[in-house]
C-alpha cells in the first residue's frame, strides 16, 4: 500500500468528523447568524472532548 494511503487511513475518521462539523456550521449560519455562533461553540466543545478522550498515539 502506498505511504500516502497509509497516512490517510490513520486520519480518515477525523477527516469525516471535521467535514461533517463544517457542513453543520455552514447550514446553521445560512439559517441564522446567532444560531451559527452557537453551533460553532458546540462544535468546538465537541472537538475538545473528542481530543481529550482520544490520546495521541505518540505519547506513552
Protein backbone atom coordinates (compact mmCIF):
# COMPACT_ATOMS: atom_id res chain seq x y z
CA UNK A 1 0.00 0.00 0.00
CA UNK A 2 1.46 3.40 -0.88
CA UNK A 3 2.66 5.53 2.02
CA UNK A 4 0.09 8.29 1.32
CA UNK A 5 -2.83 5.89 1.67
CA UNK A 6 -1.43 4.51 4.94
CA UNK A 7 -1.11 8.02 6.35
CA UNK A 8 -4.60 8.96 5.11
CA UNK A 9 -6.05 5.80 6.68
CA UNK A 10 -4.82 6.98 10.10
CA UNK A 11 -6.82 10.21 9.88
CA UNK A 12 -9.86 9.29 7.78
CA UNK A 13 -12.37 9.21 10.67
CA UNK A 14 -11.13 12.55 11.98
CA UNK A 15 -11.44 14.00 8.48
CA UNK A 16 -15.04 12.84 8.18
CA UNK A 17 -15.92 14.28 11.60
CA UNK A 18 -14.32 17.61 10.70
CA UNK A 19 -16.09 17.82 7.32
CA UNK A 20 -19.40 16.93 8.99
CA UNK A 21 -18.95 19.71 11.53
CA UNK A 22 -18.13 22.17 8.73
CA UNK A 23 -21.34 21.31 6.89
CA UNK A 24 -23.43 21.60 10.06
CA UNK A 25 -21.96 25.00 10.94
CA UNK A 26 -22.36 26.29 7.36
CA UNK A 27 -26.01 25.22 7.23
CA UNK A 28 -26.69 26.79 10.61
CA UNK A 29 -25.13 30.10 9.55
CA UNK A 30 -27.35 30.06 6.45
CA UNK A 31 -30.34 29.69 8.78
CA UNK A 32 -29.37 32.35 11.35
CA UNK A 33 -26.16 34.12 12.36
CA UNK A 34 -26.87 33.79 16.09
CA UNK A 35 -27.61 30.09 15.74
CA UNK A 36 -24.39 29.74 13.71
CA UNK A 37 -22.35 31.22 16.53
CA UNK A 38 -23.98 28.80 18.96
CA UNK A 39 -23.22 25.89 16.62
CA UNK A 40 -19.54 26.90 16.40
CA UNK A 41 -19.39 26.89 20.21
CA UNK A 42 -20.98 23.45 20.39
CA UNK A 43 -18.64 22.10 17.69
CA UNK A 44 -15.57 23.45 19.48
CA UNK A 45 -16.69 21.86 22.74
CA UNK A 46 -17.27 18.52 20.98
CA UNK A 47 -13.88 18.65 19.27
CA UNK A 48 -12.25 19.41 22.61
CA UNK A 49 -14.00 16.44 24.19
CA UNK A 50 -13.03 14.16 21.31
CA UNK A 51 -9.40 15.21 21.52
CA UNK A 52 -9.30 14.75 25.28
CA UNK A 53 -10.82 11.24 25.08
CA UNK A 54 -8.58 10.02 22.24
CA UNK A 55 -4.98 10.21 23.47
CA UNK A 56 -2.20 10.74 20.99
CA UNK A 57 -0.51 7.52 19.89
CA UNK A 58 2.88 9.22 20.20
CA UNK A 59 2.53 9.68 23.98
CA UNK A 60 3.31 6.70 26.18
